[in-house]
Protein backbone atom coordinates (compact mmCIF):
# COMPACT_ATOMS: atom_id res chain seq x y z
CA MET A 1 66.72 19.33 28.64
CA ASP A 2 64.26 19.16 31.63
CA GLY A 3 61.79 17.05 29.69
CA GLY A 4 59.06 19.80 29.93
CA TYR A 5 57.17 21.36 27.23
CA VAL A 6 56.65 24.94 25.98
CA PRO A 7 53.47 26.15 23.99
CA VAL A 8 53.21 25.52 20.35
CA ALA A 9 52.44 28.72 18.11
CA ALA A 10 49.05 28.98 16.43
CA SER A 11 48.99 28.34 12.77
CA GLU A 12 46.55 29.09 9.77
CA ALA A 13 47.80 25.90 8.07
CA ARG A 14 45.42 22.85 8.03
CA ILE A 15 45.73 19.27 8.79
CA GLY A 16 43.26 16.29 8.97
CA PRO A 17 40.58 16.20 11.49
CA ASN A 18 41.65 12.67 12.74
CA ALA A 19 44.55 14.43 14.65
CA ILE A 20 41.80 15.47 17.01
CA THR A 21 38.84 13.21 16.44
CA GLN A 22 40.67 9.92 17.12
CA LEU A 23 42.15 11.28 20.17
CA VAL A 24 38.86 12.43 21.38
CA ALA A 25 37.56 8.86 20.88
CA VAL A 26 40.43 7.36 22.78
CA LEU A 27 39.96 9.76 25.53
CA ASP A 28 36.34 9.04 25.86
CA ARG A 29 36.96 5.42 26.11
CA VAL A 30 40.14 5.22 28.36
CA GLU A 31 39.80 8.29 30.57
CA GLY A 32 36.16 9.37 30.40
CA ARG A 33 34.09 12.11 28.81
CA GLY A 34 34.78 14.62 31.75
CA PHE A 35 38.58 14.39 31.22
CA ARG A 36 38.09 14.61 27.47
CA ASP A 37 36.09 17.86 28.07
CA GLN A 38 38.73 19.35 30.50
CA VAL A 39 41.54 18.84 27.79
CA MET A 40 39.51 20.35 25.04
CA ALA A 41 38.70 23.32 27.29
CA ALA A 42 42.19 23.82 28.19
CA ALA A 43 43.09 23.77 24.40
CA GLY A 44 40.34 26.14 23.70
CA VAL A 45 39.26 23.98 20.82
CA ALA A 46 35.83 22.39 19.94
CA VAL A 47 35.56 18.76 18.68
CA PRO A 48 35.56 19.06 14.98
CA ASP A 49 33.00 17.70 12.52
CA PRO A 50 35.04 15.40 10.20
CA ALA A 51 32.40 16.08 7.55
CA LEU A 52 33.71 19.65 7.32
CA GLY A 53 37.16 18.40 6.08
CA MET A 54 40.46 19.78 7.20
CA ILE A 55 41.06 21.63 10.38
CA PRO A 56 43.47 24.33 11.54
CA GLU A 57 46.73 22.56 12.42
CA GLY A 58 47.06 24.94 15.31
CA ASP A 59 43.85 23.41 16.84
CA ALA A 60 45.34 19.89 16.64
CA ALA A 61 48.68 21.02 18.26
CA ALA A 62 46.77 22.77 21.06
CA VAL A 63 44.75 19.77 21.86
CA HIS A 64 47.80 17.48 21.78
CA LEU A 65 49.68 20.09 24.01
CA ALA A 66 46.73 20.52 26.52
CA LEU A 67 46.89 16.57 26.91
CA ARG A 68 50.55 16.57 27.42
CA MET A 69 50.15 19.17 30.07
CA ALA A 70 47.32 17.43 31.79
CA VAL A 71 48.81 14.02 32.12
CA PRO A 72 52.37 14.01 31.18
CA GLU A 73 52.77 10.57 32.42
CA ARG A 74 50.13 9.07 30.30
CA ALA A 75 50.03 11.55 27.37
CA GLU A 76 52.44 9.45 25.18
CA GLY A 77 50.43 6.07 25.58
CA LEU A 78 47.16 7.92 24.76
CA LEU A 79 48.64 9.55 21.67
CA ARG A 80 50.07 6.35 20.43
CA LEU A 81 46.46 4.78 20.76
CA ALA A 82 45.09 7.66 18.80
CA GLY A 83 47.65 7.28 15.97
CA LEU A 84 46.66 3.61 15.86
CA ALA A 85 43.34 4.40 15.64
CA THR A 86 43.86 6.90 12.89
CA GLY A 87 45.55 4.30 11.00
CA SER A 88 42.74 2.02 11.32
CA TYR A 89 40.33 4.89 10.21
CA ILE A 90 42.56 5.38 7.04
CA LEU A 91 42.40 1.58 6.28
CA ARG A 92 38.51 1.50 6.58
CA HIS A 93 37.76 4.80 4.78
CA ARG A 94 40.74 6.12 2.71
CA ILE A 95 42.56 3.15 0.94
CA PRO A 96 40.37 1.25 -1.33
CA ARG A 97 40.01 -2.46 -0.57
CA VAL A 98 41.36 -3.41 -3.92
CA ALA A 99 44.51 -1.26 -3.42
CA GLN A 100 44.94 -2.81 -0.04
CA TRP A 101 44.75 -6.27 -1.66
CA VAL A 102 47.35 -5.40 -4.23
CA ILE A 103 49.80 -4.03 -1.62
CA ARG A 104 49.31 -7.21 0.52
CA VAL A 105 50.10 -9.63 -2.30
CA LEU A 106 53.19 -7.87 -3.72
CA PRO A 107 56.62 -8.92 -2.30
CA ALA A 108 57.07 -6.84 0.97
CA PRO A 109 59.67 -4.54 -0.32
CA LEU A 110 57.60 -3.63 -3.35
CA GLY A 111 54.52 -3.34 -1.29
CA ALA A 112 56.32 -1.05 1.05
CA ARG A 113 57.21 1.18 -1.82
CA VAL A 114 53.74 1.44 -3.17
CA LEU A 115 52.37 2.30 0.41
CA ALA A 116 55.05 4.75 1.03
CA GLY A 117 54.24 6.50 -2.41
CA ALA A 118 50.48 6.79 -1.34
CA ILE A 119 51.58 8.10 2.14
CA ALA A 120 53.82 10.68 0.36
CA ARG A 121 51.11 11.83 -2.07
CA HIS A 122 48.68 12.49 0.85
CA SER A 123 51.27 13.78 3.32
CA TRP A 124 49.25 17.04 3.74
CA THR A 125 46.78 15.44 5.58
CA PHE A 126 49.08 14.53 8.60
CA ALA A 127 52.06 16.93 7.97
CA GLY A 128 50.08 20.36 7.42
CA SER A 129 52.48 23.10 6.72
CA GLY A 130 55.54 20.60 7.42
CA THR A 131 57.33 18.74 4.73
CA PHE A 132 57.42 14.95 4.20
CA ARG A 133 59.74 12.72 2.25
CA VAL A 134 60.85 9.10 1.84
CA ALA A 135 64.43 9.48 3.08
CA GLY A 136 65.72 5.85 2.62
CA TRP A 137 64.63 2.10 2.05
CA LYS A 138 67.17 0.07 4.12
CA PRO A 139 65.39 0.59 6.52
CA LEU A 140 62.38 2.42 5.03
CA THR A 141 62.74 5.85 6.65
CA PHE A 142 60.35 8.90 6.57
CA GLU A 143 61.23 12.37 7.56
CA VAL A 144 58.85 15.10 8.63
CA GLY A 145 60.20 18.63 8.79
CA GLY A 146 58.46 21.36 10.77
CA ASN A 147 55.93 18.82 12.18
CA PRO A 148 53.13 21.18 13.26
CA LEU A 149 52.07 18.81 16.14
CA VAL A 150 55.45 19.29 17.93
CA VAL A 151 56.68 22.63 16.81
CA GLY A 152 57.67 24.61 19.75
CA LEU A 153 57.75 21.69 22.03
CA ARG A 154 60.89 20.60 23.98
CA GLY A 155 61.48 17.37 25.56
CA ASP A 156 64.33 15.04 26.38
CA HIS A 157 63.26 12.22 23.99
CA PRO A 158 61.19 11.96 20.58
CA LEU A 159 57.59 13.11 20.95
CA CYS A 160 55.87 12.24 17.76
CA HIS A 161 54.02 9.18 19.15
CA TRP A 162 50.87 10.03 17.12
CA HIS A 163 52.70 10.05 13.62
CA ALA A 164 54.70 6.93 14.60
CA ALA A 165 51.58 5.12 15.43
CA VAL A 166 49.80 6.08 12.23
CA PHE A 167 52.76 4.82 10.10
CA GLU A 168 53.12 1.54 12.26
CA ARG A 169 49.25 0.67 11.82
CA LEU A 170 49.32 0.97 8.13
CA PHE A 171 52.63 -0.99 7.49
CA ALA A 172 51.78 -3.59 10.03
CA ARG A 173 48.46 -4.35 8.43
CA LEU A 174 49.33 -4.04 4.78
CA VAL A 175 53.19 -4.97 4.43
CA TRP A 176 55.03 -6.46 7.56
CA LYS A 177 52.90 -7.95 10.20
CA GLY A 178 54.32 -7.14 13.58
CA CYS A 179 56.57 -4.25 12.32
CA VAL A 180 57.33 -1.37 14.61
CA VAL A 181 58.09 2.13 13.86
CA ARG A 182 60.71 3.91 15.78
CA GLU A 183 61.25 7.67 15.73
CA VAL A 184 64.99 8.19 15.71
CA ALA A 185 65.18 11.68 15.65
CA CYS A 186 62.76 14.56 16.65
CA ALA A 187 62.76 18.31 16.24
CA ALA A 188 61.25 18.46 19.94
CA ALA A 189 64.24 16.71 21.16
CA GLY A 190 66.70 19.03 19.55
CA ASP A 191 67.24 17.36 16.22
CA GLY A 192 66.74 19.30 12.93
CA ILE A 193 63.99 17.02 11.61
CA CYS A 194 61.62 14.24 12.74
CA ARG A 195 62.69 10.87 11.39
CA PHE A 196 60.76 7.65 11.46
CA GLU A 197 62.17 4.11 10.67
CA VAL A 198 59.96 1.30 9.77
CA VAL A 199 61.44 -1.98 11.28
CA PRO A 200 60.00 -5.30 9.84
CA ARG A 201 59.68 -8.13 12.45
CA ALA A 202 58.86 -11.71 11.83
């Protein structure tokens, strides 16, 4: 593979607005409003209003692709920052504090199962038309099939930095402080599915 990218097909399926809004916030902070506007214009997508709920997954894919095309050398880091910000948003607004407390006080393996179950129940918010499953526990492994944010992309290494960072922020804050999430297989790199491993670290 040459490490380049090819366009993602548009889709009528929907995904959570954080796939765009948190990236917009990162671009505004790190690159500046002018660059953000260039990326959104290249994608042909307006910044969504989170209050309106789910957005077309094709819009999110187009914005991520426009960023990759605009700054291929920095896109992965920016997408990671956006994924971490998305995880932080979920912790602030989507997981009740009581539930977070319960997960934290449970033994880590049990807390991980509880959190993984919650993620699976809400996977439509980040997988869109794709599929999600918990594929293993040692290590904790997630699989996303047909990941709408990389469908049609081709690269020489895994590209799902946004998803990996979302998972990492949630597990690092609630289960294993300092854990990392590694994408060990990626459809964009020629694998049949996108696979993520949660690796605890002391």
